PDB file of N, CA and C in Angstrom:
ATOM      1  N   MET A   1      41.228  15.027  12.420  1.00  0.00           N
ATOM      2  CA  MET A   1      39.669  15.323  12.332  1.00  0.00           C
ATOM      3  C   MET A   1      38.678  14.215  13.250  1.00  0.00           C
ATOM      4  N   ALA A   2      39.315  13.410  14.227  1.00  0.00           N
ATOM      5  CA  ALA A   2      38.136  13.248  15.345  1.00  0.00           C
ATOM      6  C   ALA A   2      37.985  14.671  16.246  1.00  0.00           C
ATOM      7  N   GLY A   3      39.358  15.216  16.375  1.00  0.00           N
ATOM      8  CA  GLY A   3      38.992  16.325  17.264  1.00  0.00           C
ATOM      9  C   GLY A   3      37.779  17.614  16.879  1.00  0.00           C
ATOM     10  N   ARG A   4      37.857  17.741  15.389  1.00  0.00           N
ATOM     11  CA  ARG A   4      36.410  18.356  14.840  1.00  0.00           C
ATOM     12  C   ARG A   4      35.638  18.000  15.330  1.00  0.00           C
ATOM     13  N   VAL A   5      35.262  16.708  15.009  1.00  0.00           N
ATOM     14  CA  VAL A   5      34.271  16.042  15.849  1.00  0.00           C
ATOM     15  C   VAL A   5      33.889  16.297  17.177  1.00  0.00           C
ATOM     16  N   VAL A   6      34.672  16.431  17.356  1.00  0.00           N
ATOM     17  CA  VAL A   6      34.592  16.259  19.333  1.00  0.00           C
ATOM     18  C   VAL A   6      34.029  17.803  19.681  1.00  0.00           C
ATOM     19  N   LEU A   7      34.767  19.195  18.446  1.00  0.00           N
ATOM     20  CA  LEU A   7      34.638  20.243  19.115  1.00  0.00           C
ATOM     21  C   LEU A   7      32.815  20.661  18.392  1.00  0.00           C
ATOM     22  N   ALA A   8      32.600  19.805  17.530  1.00  0.00           N
ATOM     23  CA  ALA A   8      31.358  19.954  17.415  1.00  0.00           C
ATOM     24  C   ALA A   8      30.098  19.403  17.556  1.00  0.00           C
ATOM     25  N   ILE A   9      30.548  18.112  18.676  1.00  0.00           N
ATOM     26  CA  ILE A   9      29.419  17.801  19.193  1.00  0.00           C
ATOM     27  C   ILE A   9      29.131  18.686  20.956  1.00  0.00           C
ATOM     28  N   GLY A  10      30.816  18.511  21.642  1.00  0.00           N
ATOM     29  CA  GLY A  10      30.489  19.763  22.614  1.00  0.00           C
ATOM     30  C   GLY A  10      29.902  21.636  21.855  1.00  0.00           C
ATOM     31  N   GLY A  11      29.948  21.917  20.667  1.00  0.00           N
ATOM     32  CA  GLY A  11      29.992  23.275  20.275  1.00  0.00           C
ATOM     33  C   GLY A  11      27.907  23.129  19.976  1.00  0.00           C
ATOM     34  N   LEU A  12      27.907  22.222  20.079  1.00  0.00           N
ATOM     35  CA  LEU A  12      26.264  21.396  19.773  1.00  0.00           C
ATOM     36  C   LEU A  12      25.849  21.171  20.934  1.00  0.00           C
ATOM     37  N   PHE A  13      26.364  20.813  22.422  1.00  0.00           N
ATOM     38  CA  PHE A  13      25.699  20.316  23.240  1.00  0.00           C
ATOM     39  C   PHE A  13      25.364  22.336  24.109  1.00  0.00           C
ATOM     40  N   ALA A  14      27.048  23.080  23.427  1.00  0.00           N
ATOM     41  CA  ALA A  14      26.697  24.802  24.252  1.00  0.00           C
ATOM     42  C   ALA A  14      25.494  24.940  23.266  1.00  0.00           C
ATOM     43  N   LEU A  15      25.314  24.945  22.190  1.00  0.00           N
ATOM     44  CA  LEU A  15      24.436  25.361  21.166  1.00  0.00           C
ATOM     45  C   LEU A  15      22.871  25.342  22.022  1.00  0.00           C
ATOM     46  N   ILE A  16      22.791  23.745  22.741  1.00  0.00           N
ATOM     47  CA  ILE A  16      21.244  23.673  23.092  1.00  0.00           C
ATOM     48  C   ILE A  16      20.881  24.161  24.270  1.00  0.00           C
ATOM     49  N   GLU A  17      21.385  24.372  24.948  1.00  0.00           N
ATOM     50  CA  GLU A  17      21.853  25.484  26.507  1.00  0.00           C
ATOM     51  C   GLU A  17      21.549  26.637  26.473  1.00  0.00           C
ATOM     52  N   ALA A  18      22.690  27.206  25.182  1.00  0.00           N
ATOM     53  CA  ALA A  18      22.430  28.421  24.940  1.00  0.00           C
ATOM     54  C   ALA A  18      20.983  28.546  24.480  1.00  0.00           C
ATOM     55  N   LEU A  19      20.121  28.273  23.343  1.00  0.00           N
ATOM     56  CA  LEU A  19      18.917  27.822  22.744  1.00  0.00           C
ATOM     57  C   LEU A  19      18.220  27.896  24.526  1.00  0.00           C
ATOM     58  N   TYR A  20      17.865  27.183  25.036  1.00  0.00           N
ATOM     59  CA  TYR A  20      16.949  26.723  26.432  1.00  0.00           C
ATOM     60  C   TYR A  20      17.289  28.152  26.983  1.00  0.00           C
ATOM     61  N   ILE A  21      18.640  28.834  27.098  1.00  0.00           N
ATOM     62  CA  ILE A  21      18.624  29.835  27.965  1.00  0.00           C
ATOM     63  C   ILE A  21      17.505  30.867  27.213  1.00  0.00           C
ATOM     64  N   LEU A  22      17.407  31.377  25.845  1.00  0.00           N
ATOM     65  CA  LEU A  22      17.427  32.091  25.725  1.00  0.00           C
ATOM     66  C   LEU A  22      15.823  31.802  25.281  1.00  0.00           C
ATOM     67  N   LEU A  23      14.635  30.522  25.376  1.00  0.00           N
ATOM     68  CA  LEU A  23      13.467  30.684  25.227  1.00  0.00           C
ATOM     69  C   LEU A  23      13.369  31.290  26.539  1.00  0.00           C
ATOM     70  N   ILE A  24      13.674  29.940  27.727  1.00  0.00           N
ATOM     71  CA  ILE A  24      13.382  30.731  29.254  1.00  0.00           C
ATOM     72  C   ILE A  24      13.196  32.495  28.762  1.00  0.00           C
ATOM     73  N   LEU A  25      14.643  33.075  28.700  1.00  0.00           N
ATOM     74  CA  LEU A  25      14.772  34.319  29.288  1.00  0.00           C
ATOM     75  C   LEU A  25      13.395  35.176  27.954  1.00  0.00           C
ATOM     76  N   PHE A  26      13.444  34.935  27.135  1.00  0.00           N
ATOM     77  CA  PHE A  26      11.951  35.780  26.010  1.00  0.00           C
ATOM     78  C   PHE A  26      11.006  35.351  26.655  1.00  0.00           C
ATOM     79  N   GLY A  27      10.629  33.902  27.475  1.00  0.00           N
ATOM     80  CA  GLY A  27       9.256  33.734  27.586  1.00  0.00           C
ATOM     81  C   GLY A  27       8.889  33.484  26.741  1.00  0.00           C
ATOM     82  N   ALA A  28       9.102  31.643  26.576  1.00  0.00           N
ATOM     83  CA  ALA A  28       8.669  30.799  24.870  1.00  0.00           C
ATOM     84  C   ALA A  28       7.641  30.369  26.438  1.00  0.00           C
ATOM     85  N   ASN A  29       6.597  30.025  25.408  1.00  0.00           N
ATOM     86  CA  ASN A  29       5.502  29.442  26.268  1.00  0.00           C
ATOM     87  C   ASN A  29       5.990  28.046  26.478  1.00  0.00           C
ATOM     88  N   PRO A  30       6.293  27.563  27.920  1.00  0.00           N
ATOM     89  CA  PRO A  30       5.866  25.939  27.982  1.00  0.00           C
ATOM     90  C   PRO A  30       5.459  25.078  27.584  1.00  0.00           C
ATOM     91  N   VAL A  31       4.503  25.597  26.368  1.00  0.00           N
ATOM     92  CA  VAL A  31       3.202  23.639  26.563  1.00  0.00           C
ATOM     93  C   VAL A  31       3.818  23.797  24.645  1.00  0.00           C
ATOM     94  N   ASN A  32       4.504  24.672  24.488  1.00  0.00           N
ATOM     95  CA  ASN A  32       4.798  24.555  22.789  1.00  0.00           C
ATOM     96  C   ASN A  32       5.780  23.122  22.971  1.00  0.00           C
ATOM     97  N   SER A  33       5.775  22.240  21.914  1.00  0.00           N
ATOM     98  CA  SER A  33       6.598  21.099  21.600  1.00  0.00           C
ATOM     99  C   SER A  33       7.844  21.688  21.261  1.00  0.00           C
ATOM    100  N   PHE A  34       7.929  22.926  20.508  1.00  0.00           N
ATOM    101  CA  PHE A  34       9.757  22.691  20.182  1.00  0.00           C
ATOM    102  C   PHE A  34      10.347  23.540  21.883  1.00  0.00           C
ATOM    103  N   PHE A  35       9.584  23.883  22.348  1.00  0.00           N
ATOM    104  CA  PHE A  35      10.309  23.889  23.844  1.00  0.00           C
ATOM    105  C   PHE A  35      10.453  22.962  24.314  1.00  0.00           C
ATOM    106  N   SER A  36       9.237  22.506  24.376  1.00  0.00           N
ATOM    107  CA  SER A  36       9.258  20.820  24.900  1.00  0.00           C
ATOM    108  C   SER A  36      10.826  20.448  24.518  1.00  0.00           C
ATOM    109  N   PHE A  37      10.651  20.474  23.034  1.00  0.00           N
ATOM    110  CA  PHE A  37      12.570  18.905  22.472  1.00  0.00           C
ATOM    111  C   PHE A  37      12.967  19.828  22.820  1.00  0.00           C
ATOM    112  N   VAL A  38      13.116  21.347  23.213  1.00  0.00           N
ATOM    113  CA  VAL A  38      14.859  21.836  23.671  1.00  0.00           C
ATOM    114  C   VAL A  38      14.916  21.574  25.439  1.00  0.00           C
ATOM    115  N   LYS A  39      13.804  21.439  25.584  1.00  0.00           N
ATOM    116  CA  LYS A  39      14.279  21.716  27.374  1.00  0.00           C
ATOM    117  C   LYS A  39      14.025  20.223  27.655  1.00  0.00           C
ATOM    118  N   SER A  40      14.276  19.202  26.632  1.00  0.00           N
ATOM    119  CA  SER A  40      14.290  17.661  26.869  1.00  0.00           C
ATOM    120  C   SER A  40      15.702  17.372  26.440  1.00  0.00           C
ATOM    121  N   LEU A  41      16.350  18.204  25.764  1.00  0.00           N
ATOM    122  CA  LEU A  41      17.591  17.759  25.090  1.00  0.00           C
ATOM    123  C   LEU A  41      18.262  18.936  26.566  1.00  0.00           C
ATOM    124  N   ALA A  42      18.196  19.818  26.925  1.00  0.00           N
ATOM    125  CA  ALA A  42      18.895  20.496  27.198  1.00  0.00           C
ATOM    126  C   ALA A  42      18.579  19.974  28.919  1.00  0.00           C
ATOM    127  N   GLU A  43      17.500  19.738  29.001  1.00  0.00           N
ATOM    128  CA  GLU A  43      17.962  19.143  31.069  1.00  0.00           C
ATOM    129  C   GLU A  43      19.024  17.809  31.322  1.00  0.00           C
ATOM    130  N   PRO A  44      18.726  17.178  30.476  1.00  0.00           N
ATOM    131  CA  PRO A  44      19.972  15.715  31.040  1.00  0.00           C
ATOM    132  C   PRO A  44      21.925  16.618  30.031  1.00  0.00           C
ATOM    133  N   LEU A  45      21.666  16.892  29.143  1.00  0.00           N
ATOM    134  CA  LEU A  45      23.124  17.657  29.233  1.00  0.00           C
ATOM    135  C   LEU A  45      23.652  18.818  29.974  1.00  0.00           C
ATOM    136  N   ALA A  46      22.372  19.688  31.031  1.00  0.00           N
ATOM    137  CA  ALA A  46      23.050  20.614  32.179  1.00  0.00           C
ATOM    138  C   ALA A  46      23.451  19.744  33.448  1.00  0.00           C
ATOM    139  N   LEU A  47      23.573  18.313  33.335  1.00  0.00           N
ATOM    140  CA  LEU A  47      24.351  17.251  34.271  1.00  0.00           C
ATOM    141  C   LEU A  47      23.469  17.685  35.930  1.00  0.00           C
ATOM    142  N   PHE A  48      25.080  18.377  36.960  1.00  0.00           N
ATOM    143  CA  PHE A  48      24.171  18.452  37.856  1.00  0.00           C
ATOM    144  C   PHE A  48      24.990  19.845  38.095  1.00  0.00           C
ATOM    145  N   PHE A  49      24.603  20.568  37.064  1.00  0.00           N
ATOM    146  CA  PHE A  49      24.273  22.160  37.029  1.00  0.00           C
ATOM    147  C   PHE A  49      22.941  22.969  37.637  1.00  0.00           C
ATOM    148  N   PRO A  50      21.922  22.485  37.175  1.00  0.00           N
ATOM    149  CA  PRO A  50      20.981  23.086  38.137  1.00  0.00           C
ATOM    150  C   PRO A  50      20.748  22.942  39.815  1.00  0.00           C
ATOM    151  N   GLY A  51      20.404  23.993  40.133  1.00  0.00           N
ATOM    152  CA  GLY A  51      20.630  23.790  41.604  1.00  0.00           C
ATOM    153  C   GLY A  51      21.310  24.397  42.247  1.00  0.00           C
ATOM    154  N   LEU A  52      23.320  24.269  41.419  1.00  0.00           N
ATOM    155  CA  LEU A  52      24.384  24.139  41.649  1.00  0.00           C
ATOM    156  C   LEU A  52      24.352  25.223  42.805  1.00  0.00           C
ATOM    157  N   ILE A  53      24.435  26.562  42.196  1.00  0.00           N
ATOM    158  CA  ILE A  53      24.201  28.031  42.758  1.00  0.00           C
ATOM    159  C   ILE A  53      22.912  28.350  43.006  1.00  0.00           C
ATOM    160  N   PRO A  54      22.356  28.328  44.018  1.00  0.00           N
ATOM    161  CA  PRO A  54      21.010  28.796  44.988  1.00  0.00           C
ATOM    162  C   PRO A  54      20.934  30.254  44.512  1.00  0.00           C
ATOM    163  N   ILE A  55      19.893  30.690  43.865  1.00  0.00           N
ATOM    164  CA  ILE A  55      18.992  31.405  43.164  1.00  0.00           C
ATOM    165  C   ILE A  55      17.891  31.940  43.040  1.00  0.00           C
ATOM    166  N   ASP A  56      17.375  33.262  43.714  1.00  0.00           N
ATOM    167  CA  ASP A  56      16.101  33.151  43.613  1.00  0.00           C
ATOM    168  C   ASP A  56      15.346  33.960  42.492  1.00  0.00           C
ATOM    169  N   ASN A  57      15.915  34.070  41.719  1.00  0.00           N
ATOM    170  CA  ASN A  57      15.097  34.814  40.812  1.00  0.00           C
ATOM    171  C   ASN A  57      15.224  33.169  39.589  1.00  0.00           C
ATOM    172  N   TYR A  58      14.325  32.693  38.643  1.00  0.00           N
ATOM    173  CA  TYR A  58      14.000  32.121  38.153  1.00  0.00           C
ATOM    174  C   TYR A  58      14.666  31.973  37.196  1.00  0.00           C
ATOM    175  N   ASP A  59      14.798  33.120  36.100  1.00  0.00           N
ATOM    176  CA  ASP A  59      15.225  33.889  35.321  1.00  0.00           C
ATOM    177  C   ASP A  59      16.818  34.080  35.056  1.00  0.00           C
ATOM    178  N   VAL A  60      17.143  34.607  36.440  1.00  0.00           N
ATOM    179  CA  VAL A  60      18.484  34.148  36.740  1.00  0.00           C
ATOM    180  C   VAL A  60      19.287  33.164  37.255  1.00  0.00           C
ATOM    181  N   ALA A  61      18.665  32.185  37.454  1.00  0.00           N
ATOM    182  CA  ALA A  61      19.630  31.166  37.623  1.00  0.00           C
ATOM    183  C   ALA A  61      18.969  30.254  37.250  1.00  0.00           C
ATOM    184  N   VAL A  62      18.139  30.205  35.628  1.00  0.00           N
ATOM    185  CA  VAL A  62      18.718  29.679  34.443  1.00  0.00           C
ATOM    186  C   VAL A  62      19.760  30.034  33.329  1.00  0.00           C
ATOM    187  N   LEU A  63      20.185  31.281  33.883  1.00  0.00           N
ATOM    188  CA  LEU A  63      21.171  32.022  32.805  1.00  0.00           C
ATOM    189  C   LEU A  63      22.356  31.322  33.514  1.00  0.00           C
ATOM    190  N   VAL A  64      22.886  31.741  34.337  1.00  0.00           N
ATOM    191  CA  VAL A  64      23.609  31.268  35.012  1.00  0.00           C
ATOM    192  C   VAL A  64      24.183  29.899  35.016  1.00  0.00           C
ATOM    193  N   ASN A  65      22.817  28.889  35.617  1.00  0.00           N
ATOM    194  CA  ASN A  65      23.393  27.292  35.814  1.00  0.00           C
ATOM    195  C   ASN A  65      23.476  26.621  34.255  1.00  0.00           C
ATOM    196  N   TYR A  66      22.522  26.607  33.903  1.00  0.00           N
ATOM    197  CA  TYR A  66      22.570  26.365  32.443  1.00  0.00           C
ATOM    198  C   TYR A  66      23.888  27.115  30.986  1.00  0.00           C
ATOM    199  N   GLY A  67      24.231  28.519  31.691  1.00  0.00           N
ATOM    200  CA  GLY A  67      25.379  29.085  31.292  1.00  0.00           C
ATOM    201  C   GLY A  67      26.215  28.421  31.487  1.00  0.00           C
ATOM    202  N   LEU A  68      26.553  27.585  31.881  1.00  0.00           N
ATOM    203  CA  LEU A  68      28.045  27.118  33.520  1.00  0.00           C
ATOM    204  C   LEU A  68      28.011  25.678  32.334  1.00  0.00           C
ATOM    205  N   ALA A  69      26.825  24.892  32.171  1.00  0.00           N
ATOM    206  CA  ALA A  69      27.059  23.752  31.852  1.00  0.00           C
ATOM    207  C   ALA A  69      26.666  24.569  30.372  1.00  0.00           C
ATOM    208  N   GLY A  70      27.074  25.089  29.623  1.00  0.00           N
ATOM    209  CA  GLY A  70      27.479  24.804  27.948  1.00  0.00           C
ATOM    210  C   GLY A  70      28.696  25.712  28.778  1.00  0.00           C
ATOM    211  N   LEU A  71      29.539  25.954  29.124  1.00  0.00           N
ATOM    212  CA  LEU A  71      30.805  26.601  29.232  1.00  0.00           C
ATOM    213  C   LEU A  71      31.859  25.398  29.330  1.00  0.00           C
ATOM    214  N   PHE A  72      31.106  24.658  29.800  1.00  0.00           N
ATOM    215  CA  PHE A  72      31.340  23.222  30.535  1.00  0.00           C
ATOM    216  C   PHE A  72      31.887  22.959  29.558  1.00  0.00           C
ATOM    217  N   TRP A  73      30.451  22.120  28.025  1.00  0.00           N
ATOM    218  CA  TRP A  73      31.159  21.421  27.469  1.00  0.00           C
ATOM    219  C   TRP A  73      31.544  22.015  26.572  1.00  0.00           C
ATOM    220  N   LEU A  74      31.512  23.368  26.653  1.00  0.00           N
ATOM    221  CA  LEU A  74      32.854  23.895  25.821  1.00  0.00           C
ATOM    222  C   LEU A  74      34.202  23.277  26.235  1.00  0.00           C
ATOM    223  N   LEU A  75      34.457  23.667  27.193  1.00  0.00           N
ATOM    224  CA  LEU A  75      35.613  23.480  27.880  1.00  0.00           C
ATOM    225  C   LEU A  75      36.069  21.880  27.508  1.00  0.00           C
ATOM    226  N   VAL A  76      35.565  20.638  27.515  1.00  0.00           N
ATOM    227  CA  VAL A  76      35.436  19.583  27.830  1.00  0.00           C
ATOM    228  C   VAL A  76      35.973  19.093  26.681  1.00  0.00           C
ATOM    229  N   ALA A  77      35.111  19.779  25.608  1.00  0.00           N
ATOM    230  CA  ALA A  77      35.226  19.405  24.172  1.00  0.00           C
ATOM    231  C   ALA A  77      36.506  20.089  23.828  1.00  0.00           C
ATOM    232  N   GLY A  78      37.218  21.383  24.312  1.00  0.00           N
ATOM    233  CA  GLY A  78      38.298  21.939  23.930  1.00  0.00           C
ATOM    234  C   GLY A  78      39.583  21.061  24.693  1.00  0.00           C
ATOM    235  N   VAL A  79      39.759  20.692  25.851  1.00  0.00           N
ATOM    236  CA  VAL A  79      40.265  19.820  26.301  1.00  0.00           C
ATOM    237  C   VAL A  79      40.462  18.004  25.409  1.00  0.00           C
ATOM    238  N   VAL A  80      39.418  17.046  25.751  1.00  0.00           N
ATOM    239  CA  VAL A  80      38.989  16.087  24.844  1.00  0.00           C
ATOM    240  C   VAL A  80      39.297  16.492  22.772  1.00  0.00           C
ATOM    241  N   ALA A  81      39.630  17.576  22.191  1.00  0.00           N
ATOM    242  CA  ALA A  81      40.046  17.485  21.363  1.00  0.00           C
ATOM    243  C   ALA A  81      41.434  17.898  21.445  1.00  0.00           C
ATOM    244  N   ARG A  82      41.999  18.209  22.142  1.00  0.00           N
ATOM    245  CA  ARG A  82      43.181  18.277  21.749  1.00  0.00           C
ATOM    246  C   ARG A  82      44.271  17.529  22.425  1.00  0.00           C
ATOM    247  N   ILE A  83      43.379  16.383  23.503  1.00  0.00           N
ATOM    248  CA  ILE A  83      43.837  14.908  23.953  1.00  0.00           C
ATOM    249  C   ILE A  83      43.804  14.266  21.818  1.00  0.00           C
ATOM    250  N   VAL A  84      43.312  14.140  21.594  1.00  0.00           N
ATOM    251  CA  VAL A  84      42.903  13.569  20.525  1.00  0.00           C
ATOM    252  C   VAL A  84      43.691  13.767  19.416  1.00  0.00           C
ATOM    253  N   PHE A  85      43.832  15.648  19.318  1.00  0.00           N
ATOM    254  CA  PHE A  85      45.177  16.059  17.984  1.00  0.00           C
ATOM    255  C   PHE A  85      46.184  15.312  17.965  1.00  0.00           C
TER     256      PHE A  85
END
């Protein structure tokens, strides 16, 4: 049971990162309240990943850096869930 909760939380964190990536790539309005809400969740969850790999193209940089953060959360959740089981 606890392992599933850990996996669900990690999946939720990765989903937030993916949603932020999609909003950026599809050109969402940055002053929109939904965009601001998702951004306020995604940026702290990205930890140290934004700026880790310097890329000149902003869209590609968001895709790579926040994508790595999403993968990180999935990996951490999987490892912690294995330990809990």
